[in-house]
Amino acid sequence: MCNVAAESPSPLRGAEGGSFDQARDGPFDWAQDRLGETRGLFRERRDKTGLMSMQAFSFAEKDFYLDEFRGKSLLFALRAADLSSAADRQAAGEVLRTLLLNDVKVVLLLETADAAVERQAVAAWCQHLGATGKTPMPSPIMMSSGADEDELLEQVWAVLRAAPLFVGLWPANPDVSLVACAQRVAVRLKVYKLVLLDPAGGITTSGNQISFMNGPVLQELLRQGEAEWAGLGPRRPVLEAVRVALEGGVASVTLCRLPGLARELVTYEGCGTLFTLTDYCSVERLGIDDFYEVEKLMQRGEREGYLKGRTPQEITKLLLHGYGARLGAASGELAGFCALLPYPAENAGEIAGLYTITRFQGEGIGGRLITTMISQGERRGFAYLFACTTQEGAQRLFERHGFCRVTAADVPAAKWRGYDAERKQQIAVYRRHLPLPERRLGL
C-alpha cells in the first residue's frame, strides 16, 4: 500500500522535468452545484490581456500556432470603434499581417455606426496594412443587413477568390447584430476558427477567467436560468452564437479582447476563452504529421527548464512512442504530450516527457495522459509502469493515479545507464503494478 498525499492547489510540473497539471476546485463551486457533471471543466487562470506586440513572443511559439492556421480560414468580428486608437490598430494590424504572410485567409467583419466616417478610416487602415505588409489589400465592402445570406457570401468569395483578405463593414443593427452576422457567415463558409473580439473579453465568473469550455458545458450553461445564475446573463447572446457556430461545423471559437489578440492566438498562455464542440480532451498516438509540432513543443519545455535536455535521437524515440492530448476534434489544438517507453526485458513501460501547454494547466490534461498510458500499458501486457520526477506536486499526481514511491533499483537498470549521478539523487521514482492479462492467468 502507498500513502496518497493531499491534492496540491496549484499546477504541477515535473516528471523527468516535465509539466503536470491537475483539476482543482476553487471559485467555480457553482459548476458542481448547478451544472452537475460539468464540475471540473471550468478552470481559473489569470486574465492577461495587456497590449503586446507580436515581436514580444518567441518565434518558435508563434510558429507553433501559425502551423495550425496555415492554409485555413479565420473570421474575425469586432467593432470599428475598437480600432480608434493607434495602439489598437497596430495590435490588429500585426496579427493580420502575420497571418496573411503565412498563407491564412482572413475574413474581417467590422461593425460600423457611422458608415461614411468609419469606412474612410478603415480604408486608410487597410491601405497602411498593405503598404507595410507588402500584401495587396482590397477595399472594404459595405454589407447590407437586408441582403440574403447568399448575396453576402457571394460578396465575400468575390474578394477571396483573388485576395487573402476580405474586409466587410456591417451596419450597427439591433435586429441583426455583428455577432449574429459573424456566426452565420462562419457556419456557411465553414471557416476553421471564429474569433469574436469583445471589449468584455473572455468569459469570467466571480472575477476569474474561464480558459476553455466544451460543447456539453456550454449547452448546460445555456439552459434556462443557468447563465443568469452564474452572472453571465448579459453574455447569453454571444454564448448562443458560439454554440450555433460550433454545431454548424466551425472547429473552434475564441472570445477575447482586441489588446490580447496576439497573446490569445499565438502563445501557449492565451488570455480569452476557447470553445470547442467535442470532448474537451482526447489522447491519441502520434503520427508522423504530428512530429514537427510536438518536437517544437518539447523544445519549448526544454528552454523553460521543465523538460530535461535530450539528444535528437532521444527526442525521436519519444516521438515514436508518443501520445498527444488535443482539445476538440482529432485535429484540434494540441494541449499536451507524453511518451510510453517500453523496456522489453522487464516487460515494463516508462511515462516520459510529460508536458502540458501553459494555458491548459488545471484542465486535467496531465491526468488524462497518465490514465491513457495506464490503459495502454494494460493493453500491451506490461507488468508495471514507472515514472521519475523531482517535483512534490507531480508525486501527488502519480499517487492519485495509483503509483507508489519505490527506489531506483525497482525499475529497469537500463533507465540509469549514462544517467547524471547528481540528478539521480534528486529523482523520486514511482511505480504502478498492472493486472496480468487473462491469458497469462490461464483464464
Protein backbone atom coordinates (compact mmCIF):
# COMPACT_ATOMS: atom_id res chain seq x y z
CA MET A 1 0.00 0.00 0.00
CA CYS A 2 1.16 3.56 -0.64
CA ASN A 3 0.00 6.65 1.18
CA VAL A 4 -1.74 9.16 -1.09
CA ALA A 5 -0.89 12.75 -0.28
CA ALA A 6 -3.41 15.57 -0.26
CA GLU A 7 -4.02 17.37 -3.53
CA SER A 8 -1.91 20.45 -4.22
CA PRO A 9 -3.85 23.60 -5.17
CA SER A 10 -1.54 24.68 -7.99
CA PRO A 11 -0.46 23.49 -11.42
CA LEU A 12 2.25 20.85 -11.29
CA ARG A 13 5.40 20.41 -13.32
CA GLY A 14 7.98 17.75 -13.09
CA ALA A 15 8.15 14.16 -14.45
CA GLU A 16 11.71 13.94 -15.71
CA GLY A 17 11.48 17.73 -15.97
CA GLY A 18 8.00 17.54 -17.45
CA SER A 19 4.92 19.59 -16.77
CA PHE A 20 1.93 18.22 -14.92
CA ASP A 21 -1.43 19.75 -14.14
CA GLN A 22 -4.37 18.74 -12.08
CA ALA A 23 -8.03 19.50 -11.66
CA ARG A 24 -8.63 21.84 -8.76
CA ASP A 25 -11.68 23.17 -7.02
CA GLY A 26 -11.96 26.82 -6.20
CA PRO A 27 -14.07 29.74 -7.33
CA PHE A 28 -16.26 27.66 -9.62
CA ASP A 29 -18.21 25.76 -6.98
CA TRP A 30 -21.32 26.66 -8.96
CA ALA A 31 -20.07 24.27 -11.67
CA GLN A 32 -20.59 21.48 -9.16
CA ASP A 33 -23.76 22.71 -7.55
CA ARG A 34 -25.56 23.98 -10.63
CA LEU A 35 -24.04 22.17 -13.59
CA GLY A 36 -23.64 18.69 -12.07
CA GLU A 37 -21.49 16.56 -14.33
CA THR A 38 -19.62 19.54 -15.73
CA ARG A 39 -17.77 20.05 -12.46
CA GLY A 40 -14.08 20.46 -13.03
CA LEU A 41 -14.32 21.63 -16.63
CA PHE A 42 -14.19 25.32 -15.77
CA ARG A 43 -10.78 26.38 -14.61
CA GLU A 44 -9.34 29.58 -13.21
CA ARG A 45 -6.37 31.45 -14.59
CA ARG A 46 -5.13 35.00 -14.58
CA ASP A 47 -6.54 37.36 -17.17
CA LYS A 48 -3.52 38.56 -19.15
CA THR A 49 -4.88 40.93 -21.73
CA GLY A 50 -2.20 43.63 -21.79
CA LEU A 51 -1.42 45.01 -25.23
CA MET A 52 1.65 43.20 -26.59
CA SER A 53 3.40 43.26 -29.93
CA MET A 54 3.75 40.10 -32.00
CA GLN A 55 7.50 40.66 -31.71
CA ALA A 56 7.22 40.14 -27.94
CA PHE A 57 6.56 36.43 -28.48
CA SER A 58 9.20 33.90 -29.39
CA PHE A 59 9.49 32.76 -32.99
CA ALA A 60 9.03 29.12 -32.01
CA GLU A 61 5.87 29.92 -30.06
CA LYS A 62 4.31 31.91 -32.91
CA ASP A 63 5.39 29.33 -35.45
CA PHE A 64 3.76 26.59 -33.40
CA TYR A 65 0.32 28.15 -33.86
CA LEU A 66 0.89 29.55 -37.33
CA ASP A 67 1.47 25.98 -38.47
CA GLU A 68 -2.01 25.14 -37.17
CA PHE A 69 -3.60 28.04 -39.07
CA ARG A 70 -1.62 27.77 -42.31
CA GLY A 71 -3.81 27.04 -45.32
CA LYS A 72 -7.01 27.64 -43.33
CA SER A 73 -9.53 30.48 -43.00
CA LEU A 74 -10.16 32.59 -39.90
CA LEU A 75 -13.04 35.01 -39.38
CA PHE A 76 -12.62 38.00 -37.04
CA ALA A 77 -15.51 40.15 -35.85
CA LEU A 78 -15.16 43.44 -33.96
CA ARG A 79 -16.47 46.98 -33.83
CA ALA A 80 -14.72 49.57 -36.00
CA ALA A 81 -14.87 51.86 -32.97
CA ASP A 82 -12.47 49.49 -31.19
CA LEU A 83 -9.81 50.43 -33.75
CA SER A 84 -9.96 54.09 -32.77
CA SER A 85 -6.56 54.21 -31.06
CA ALA A 86 -3.23 53.83 -32.85
CA ALA A 87 -2.21 51.10 -30.39
CA ASP A 88 -5.30 49.03 -31.16
CA ARG A 89 -4.87 49.48 -34.91
CA GLN A 90 -1.26 48.39 -34.59
CA ALA A 91 -2.19 45.33 -32.49
CA ALA A 92 -4.81 44.19 -35.01
CA GLY A 93 -2.58 45.03 -37.97
CA GLU A 94 0.37 43.00 -36.72
CA VAL A 95 -1.78 39.92 -36.21
CA LEU A 96 -3.42 40.24 -39.63
CA ARG A 97 -0.11 40.81 -41.42
CA THR A 98 1.43 37.79 -39.72
CA LEU A 99 -1.49 35.56 -40.68
CA LEU A 100 -1.64 36.78 -44.27
CA LEU A 101 2.10 36.25 -44.75
CA ASN A 102 1.65 32.68 -43.53
CA ASP A 103 -0.93 31.61 -46.11
CA VAL A 104 -4.01 32.20 -43.94
CA LYS A 105 -7.20 33.57 -45.48
CA VAL A 106 -8.85 36.17 -43.30
CA VAL A 107 -12.44 37.41 -43.21
CA LEU A 108 -12.67 40.61 -41.15
CA LEU A 109 -16.13 41.91 -40.24
CA LEU A 110 -16.30 45.37 -38.71
CA GLU A 111 -19.45 46.84 -37.18
CA THR A 112 -19.83 50.49 -38.21
CA ALA A 113 -22.06 53.01 -36.51
CA ASP A 114 -21.17 55.88 -38.86
CA ALA A 115 -20.66 54.32 -42.29
CA ALA A 116 -19.10 57.33 -44.05
CA VAL A 117 -16.57 58.31 -41.39
CA GLU A 118 -15.64 54.82 -40.28
CA ARG A 119 -15.47 53.43 -43.80
CA GLN A 120 -12.93 56.10 -44.70
CA ALA A 121 -10.88 55.35 -41.57
CA VAL A 122 -10.97 51.59 -42.19
CA ALA A 123 -9.99 52.07 -45.84
CA ALA A 124 -6.98 54.14 -44.79
CA TRP A 125 -6.00 51.48 -42.25
CA CYS A 126 -6.27 48.72 -44.88
CA GLN A 127 -4.06 50.73 -47.26
CA HIS A 128 -1.50 51.09 -44.48
CA LEU A 129 -1.62 47.34 -43.85
CA GLY A 130 -1.00 46.67 -47.49
CA ALA A 131 1.94 49.08 -47.65
CA THR A 132 3.66 47.80 -44.52
CA GLY A 133 2.91 44.13 -45.14
CA LYS A 134 3.70 44.20 -48.86
CA THR A 135 0.38 42.44 -49.46
CA PRO A 136 -2.34 43.82 -51.75
CA MET A 137 -5.33 44.90 -49.67
CA PRO A 138 -8.79 45.10 -51.23
CA SER A 139 -11.07 47.98 -50.34
CA PRO A 140 -13.62 47.40 -47.55
CA ILE A 141 -17.03 46.22 -48.78
CA MET A 142 -20.29 47.63 -47.45
CA MET A 143 -22.58 44.79 -46.41
CA SER A 144 -26.34 45.13 -46.19
CA SER A 145 -28.25 43.68 -43.26
CA GLY A 146 -31.21 43.39 -45.63
CA ALA A 147 -29.37 41.16 -48.12
CA ASP A 148 -29.97 37.44 -48.09
CA GLU A 149 -27.23 35.07 -46.99
CA ASP A 150 -26.17 34.01 -50.47
CA GLU A 151 -25.66 37.62 -51.51
CA LEU A 152 -23.43 38.24 -48.51
CA LEU A 153 -21.38 35.12 -49.17
CA GLU A 154 -21.02 35.98 -52.85
CA GLN A 155 -19.50 39.30 -51.77
CA VAL A 156 -17.01 37.50 -49.56
CA TRP A 157 -15.91 34.95 -52.14
CA ALA A 158 -15.68 37.50 -54.95
CA VAL A 159 -12.88 39.12 -52.96
CA LEU A 160 -11.23 35.99 -51.51
CA ARG A 161 -11.07 34.41 -54.95
CA ALA A 162 -8.25 36.82 -55.79
CA ALA A 163 -7.01 38.13 -52.40
CA PRO A 164 -6.28 36.62 -48.96
CA LEU A 165 -8.30 39.23 -47.03
CA PHE A 166 -11.94 40.30 -47.09
CA VAL A 167 -12.95 43.34 -45.06
CA GLY A 168 -16.69 43.76 -44.63
CA LEU A 169 -18.43 46.72 -43.00
CA TRP A 170 -21.57 45.65 -41.17
CA PRO A 171 -24.01 48.40 -40.16
CA ALA A 172 -24.88 48.58 -36.49
CA ASN A 173 -28.29 46.94 -36.46
CA PRO A 174 -30.36 45.99 -33.41
CA ASP A 175 -32.18 43.31 -35.43
CA VAL A 176 -29.09 41.50 -36.78
CA SER A 177 -26.06 42.02 -34.57
CA LEU A 178 -22.45 41.74 -35.70
CA VAL A 179 -22.08 38.56 -33.66
CA ALA A 180 -25.11 37.02 -35.37
CA CYS A 181 -23.77 38.01 -38.79
CA ALA A 182 -20.32 36.59 -37.99
CA GLN A 183 -21.83 33.32 -36.78
CA ARG A 184 -23.94 32.93 -39.94
CA VAL A 185 -21.03 33.67 -42.28
CA ALA A 186 -18.69 31.41 -40.31
CA VAL A 187 -21.10 28.48 -40.50
CA ARG A 188 -21.96 28.90 -44.18
CA LEU A 189 -18.31 29.23 -45.17
CA LYS A 190 -17.26 26.65 -42.55
CA VAL A 191 -14.20 28.64 -41.52
CA TYR A 192 -11.63 26.93 -39.33
CA LYS A 193 -11.85 29.41 -36.47
CA LEU A 194 -14.19 32.23 -35.50
CA VAL A 195 -12.64 34.99 -33.37
CA LEU A 196 -15.04 37.32 -31.58
CA LEU A 197 -13.28 40.44 -30.30
CA ASP A 198 -15.31 41.88 -27.45
CA PRO A 199 -14.35 44.70 -25.05
CA ALA A 200 -15.67 42.45 -22.27
CA GLY A 201 -13.08 39.81 -23.15
CA GLY A 202 -13.46 36.10 -22.49
CA ILE A 203 -15.97 34.51 -20.14
CA THR A 204 -15.41 35.24 -16.47
CA THR A 205 -17.26 34.31 -13.33
CA SER A 206 -16.52 35.51 -9.80
CA GLY A 207 -13.76 37.62 -11.31
CA ASN A 208 -11.88 34.64 -12.74
CA GLN A 209 -11.21 33.88 -16.39
CA ILE A 210 -12.53 30.64 -17.91
CA SER A 211 -9.84 29.44 -20.29
CA PHE A 212 -11.75 26.66 -22.02
CA MET A 213 -15.30 25.43 -22.48
CA ASN A 214 -16.54 22.46 -24.49
CA GLY A 215 -19.92 21.85 -26.10
CA PRO A 216 -21.61 19.93 -23.27
CA VAL A 217 -20.58 22.52 -20.69
CA LEU A 218 -21.71 25.35 -22.95
CA GLN A 219 -25.05 23.61 -23.54
CA GLU A 220 -25.54 23.22 -19.81
CA LEU A 221 -24.69 26.87 -19.21
CA LEU A 222 -27.30 27.89 -21.78
CA ARG A 223 -30.12 26.05 -20.03
CA GLN A 224 -32.82 28.38 -18.79
CA GLY A 225 -31.57 30.48 -15.90
CA GLU A 226 -28.07 28.96 -15.69
CA ALA A 227 -26.15 31.78 -17.38
CA GLU A 228 -28.08 34.34 -15.32
CA TRP A 229 -27.35 32.43 -12.11
CA ALA A 230 -23.64 32.46 -12.94
CA GLY A 231 -23.71 36.22 -13.62
CA LEU A 232 -23.41 35.70 -17.38
CA GLY A 233 -26.90 36.75 -18.41
CA PRO A 234 -25.74 39.74 -20.50
CA ARG A 235 -23.45 37.44 -22.46
CA ARG A 236 -26.09 34.86 -23.35
CA PRO A 237 -26.44 36.13 -26.97
CA VAL A 238 -22.71 35.69 -27.52
CA LEU A 239 -22.77 32.23 -25.94
CA GLU A 240 -25.72 31.24 -28.13
CA ALA A 241 -23.85 32.39 -31.24
CA VAL A 242 -20.81 30.36 -30.16
CA ARG A 243 -22.96 27.25 -29.72
CA VAL A 244 -24.57 27.62 -33.16
CA ALA A 245 -21.17 28.19 -34.79
CA LEU A 246 -19.68 25.06 -33.24
CA GLU A 247 -22.69 22.92 -34.06
CA GLY A 248 -22.57 24.33 -37.59
CA GLY A 249 -19.08 22.95 -38.23
CA VAL A 250 -16.68 25.68 -37.07
CA ALA A 251 -13.77 23.87 -35.41
CA SER A 252 -13.27 26.39 -32.60
CA VAL A 253 -14.39 29.80 -31.41
CA THR A 254 -12.25 32.27 -29.49
CA LEU A 255 -13.62 35.13 -27.40
CA CYS A 256 -11.17 37.79 -26.23
CA ARG A 257 -10.31 41.50 -26.14
CA LEU A 258 -8.53 43.16 -29.04
CA PRO A 259 -5.46 44.15 -26.97
CA GLY A 260 -4.94 40.49 -26.08
CA LEU A 261 -5.46 39.11 -29.60
CA ALA A 262 -1.83 38.22 -30.28
CA ARG A 263 -1.44 36.53 -26.90
CA GLU A 264 -4.63 34.55 -27.44
CA LEU A 265 -3.83 33.34 -30.95
CA VAL A 266 -0.10 32.65 -30.92
CA THR A 267 1.01 31.90 -27.36
CA TYR A 268 0.68 28.91 -25.08
CA GLU A 269 -0.85 31.09 -22.37
CA GLY A 270 -3.81 32.67 -24.15
CA CYS A 271 -5.93 35.34 -22.50
CA GLY A 272 -9.52 34.71 -23.60
CA THR A 273 -11.89 31.75 -23.73
CA LEU A 274 -11.51 28.95 -26.25
CA PHE A 275 -14.66 26.98 -27.20
CA THR A 276 -14.78 23.61 -28.96
CA LEU A 277 -17.69 21.25 -29.55
CA THR A 278 -16.43 17.77 -28.71
CA ASP A 279 -14.92 16.11 -25.66
CA TYR A 280 -12.61 18.56 -24.02
CA CYS A 281 -9.59 16.30 -24.27
CA SER A 282 -8.75 13.24 -26.33
CA VAL A 283 -5.43 11.37 -26.28
CA GLU A 284 -4.20 9.62 -29.42
CA ARG A 285 -0.99 8.00 -30.61
CA LEU A 286 1.21 10.43 -32.56
CA GLY A 287 1.58 10.12 -36.31
CA ILE A 288 4.41 11.44 -38.42
CA ASP A 289 2.36 14.52 -39.30
CA ASP A 290 2.36 15.40 -35.58
CA PHE A 291 6.12 15.06 -35.05
CA TYR A 292 7.16 18.56 -36.10
CA GLU A 293 4.51 20.22 -33.95
CA VAL A 294 5.27 18.10 -30.89
CA GLU A 295 9.04 18.47 -31.25
CA LYS A 296 8.66 22.25 -31.14
CA LEU A 297 6.55 21.88 -28.01
CA MET A 298 9.26 19.75 -26.40
CA GLN A 299 11.91 22.28 -27.33
CA ARG A 300 9.93 24.95 -25.53
CA GLY A 301 9.72 22.71 -22.47
CA GLU A 302 13.49 22.30 -22.53
CA ARG A 303 14.06 26.06 -22.85
CA GLU A 304 11.77 26.66 -19.88
CA GLY A 305 13.62 24.05 -17.85
CA TYR A 306 10.55 21.85 -17.44
CA LEU A 307 11.84 19.10 -19.72
CA LYS A 308 15.37 17.78 -19.43
CA GLY A 309 17.63 18.26 -22.41
CA ARG A 310 17.64 15.37 -24.88
CA THR A 311 19.62 14.46 -27.96
CA PRO A 312 17.85 14.34 -31.36
CA GLN A 313 17.94 10.54 -31.13
CA GLU A 314 16.29 10.61 -27.69
CA ILE A 315 13.63 13.05 -28.91
CA THR A 316 12.91 10.81 -31.91
CA LYS A 317 12.41 7.88 -29.56
CA LEU A 318 9.86 9.87 -27.55
CA LEU A 319 8.03 10.85 -30.75
CA LEU A 320 7.90 7.26 -31.98
CA HIS A 321 6.35 6.17 -28.69
CA GLY A 322 4.46 9.41 -28.07
CA TYR A 323 0.84 10.42 -27.45
CA GLY A 324 -0.76 13.83 -27.88
CA ALA A 325 -3.66 15.32 -25.96
CA ARG A 326 -5.84 17.51 -28.15
CA LEU A 327 -8.83 19.70 -27.42
CA GLY A 328 -11.86 19.36 -29.63
CA ALA A 329 -11.68 17.29 -32.78
CA ALA A 330 -8.82 14.89 -33.56
CA SER A 331 -7.09 17.69 -35.46
CA GLY A 332 -7.79 20.22 -32.72
CA GLU A 333 -5.43 22.21 -30.57
CA LEU A 334 -2.50 20.32 -29.05
CA ALA A 335 -2.66 20.65 -25.27
CA GLY A 336 -0.06 18.18 -24.03
CA PHE A 337 2.24 15.28 -24.77
CA CYS A 338 3.92 12.27 -23.19
CA ALA A 339 5.58 9.03 -24.28
CA LEU A 340 5.30 5.43 -23.10
CA LEU A 341 8.78 3.96 -23.49
CA PRO A 342 8.97 0.15 -23.46
CA TYR A 343 11.53 -1.90 -21.54
CA PRO A 344 11.05 -5.37 -23.09
CA ALA A 345 13.47 -7.24 -20.83
CA GLU A 346 11.47 -6.29 -17.74
CA ASN A 347 8.11 -6.13 -19.55
CA ALA A 348 7.71 -2.59 -18.23
CA GLY A 349 6.92 0.89 -19.54
CA GLU A 350 8.06 4.37 -18.55
CA ILE A 351 5.90 7.51 -18.74
CA ALA A 352 8.38 10.12 -20.01
CA GLY A 353 8.41 13.68 -21.32
CA LEU A 354 5.01 14.61 -19.93
CA TYR A 355 4.33 18.26 -20.75
CA THR A 356 1.21 20.41 -20.97
CA ILE A 357 0.79 23.84 -22.57
CA THR A 358 0.57 26.66 -20.05
CA ARG A 359 -2.91 27.90 -20.93
CA PHE A 360 -4.39 24.42 -20.34
CA GLN A 361 -2.87 23.76 -16.94
CA GLY A 362 -5.60 22.95 -14.49
CA GLU A 363 -7.77 21.34 -17.20
CA GLY A 364 -6.80 17.79 -16.21
CA ILE A 365 -4.66 17.24 -19.32
CA GLY A 366 -1.80 15.63 -17.39
CA GLY A 367 -4.19 13.28 -15.61
CA ARG A 368 -5.84 12.28 -18.89
CA LEU A 369 -2.43 11.48 -20.39
CA ILE A 370 -1.46 9.33 -17.39
CA THR A 371 -4.78 7.50 -17.45
CA THR A 372 -4.31 6.73 -21.14
CA MET A 373 -0.77 5.44 -20.52
CA ILE A 374 -2.13 3.10 -17.84
CA SER A 375 -4.73 1.76 -20.26
CA GLN A 376 -2.09 1.33 -22.97
CA GLY A 377 0.21 -0.46 -20.54
CA GLU A 378 -2.56 -2.89 -19.60
CA ARG A 379 -3.43 -3.48 -23.24
CA ARG A 380 0.17 -4.25 -24.09
CA GLY A 381 0.52 -6.62 -21.16
CA PHE A 382 3.17 -4.68 -19.23
CA ALA A 383 3.84 -5.89 -15.70
CA TYR A 384 4.23 -2.34 -14.42
CA LEU A 385 4.68 1.32 -15.36
CA PHE A 386 7.07 3.76 -13.75
CA ALA A 387 7.88 7.47 -13.87
CA CYS A 388 10.50 9.78 -12.40
CA THR A 389 10.03 13.29 -11.04
CA THR A 390 11.72 15.94 -8.94
CA GLN A 391 8.50 17.80 -8.05
CA GLU A 392 6.42 17.14 -4.94
CA GLY A 393 3.22 18.15 -6.72
CA ALA A 394 3.92 15.68 -9.51
CA GLN A 395 4.50 12.98 -6.92
CA ARG A 396 1.00 13.59 -5.57
CA LEU A 397 -0.38 13.40 -9.11
CA PHE A 398 1.17 9.97 -9.64
CA GLU A 399 -0.02 8.82 -6.23
CA ARG A 400 -3.58 9.79 -7.12
CA HIS A 401 -3.24 7.51 -10.16
CA GLY A 402 -2.13 4.51 -8.12
CA PHE A 403 1.65 4.89 -8.33
CA CYS A 404 3.78 4.15 -5.25
CA ARG A 405 7.19 5.51 -4.28
CA VAL A 406 9.99 2.99 -4.91
CA THR A 407 13.79 3.03 -5.16
CA ALA A 408 15.84 3.40 -8.32
CA ALA A 409 16.66 -0.30 -8.08
CA ASP A 410 12.97 -1.18 -8.50
CA VAL A 411 12.85 -0.07 -12.14
CA PRO A 412 14.85 -1.26 -15.16
CA ALA A 413 18.61 -0.80 -14.82
CA ALA A 414 18.69 0.41 -18.43
CA LYS A 415 16.95 3.59 -17.25
CA TRP A 416 20.09 4.65 -15.39
CA ARG A 417 22.74 3.90 -17.99
CA GLY A 418 24.55 7.16 -18.67
CA TYR A 419 22.21 8.99 -16.29
CA ASP A 420 23.56 12.03 -14.44
CA ALA A 421 24.52 10.84 -10.95
CA GLU A 422 23.61 14.11 -9.24
CA ARG A 423 20.20 14.22 -10.85
CA LYS A 424 19.59 10.60 -9.95
CA GLN A 425 19.98 11.52 -6.29
CA GLN A 426 17.21 14.11 -6.64
CA ILE A 427 14.78 11.92 -8.56
CA ALA A 428 11.69 10.42 -6.96
CA VAL A 429 10.77 7.15 -8.66
CA TYR A 430 7.16 5.96 -8.84
CA ARG A 431 5.84 2.62 -9.96
CA ARG A 432 2.41 1.12 -10.55
CA HIS A 433 1.76 -2.60 -10.98
CA LEU A 434 -0.65 -3.55 -13.74
CA PRO A 435 -3.05 -6.51 -13.70
CA LEU A 436 -1.94 -9.62 -15.56
CA PRO A 437 -3.78 -10.27 -18.85
CA GLU A 438 -6.36 -13.04 -18.65
CA ARG A 439 -4.36 -15.25 -20.99
CA ARG A 440 -1.40 -15.20 -18.57
CA LEU A 441 -3.69 -16.18 -15.74
CA GLY A 442 -4.92 -19.18 -17.69
CA LEU A 443 -8.48 -17.81 -17.90
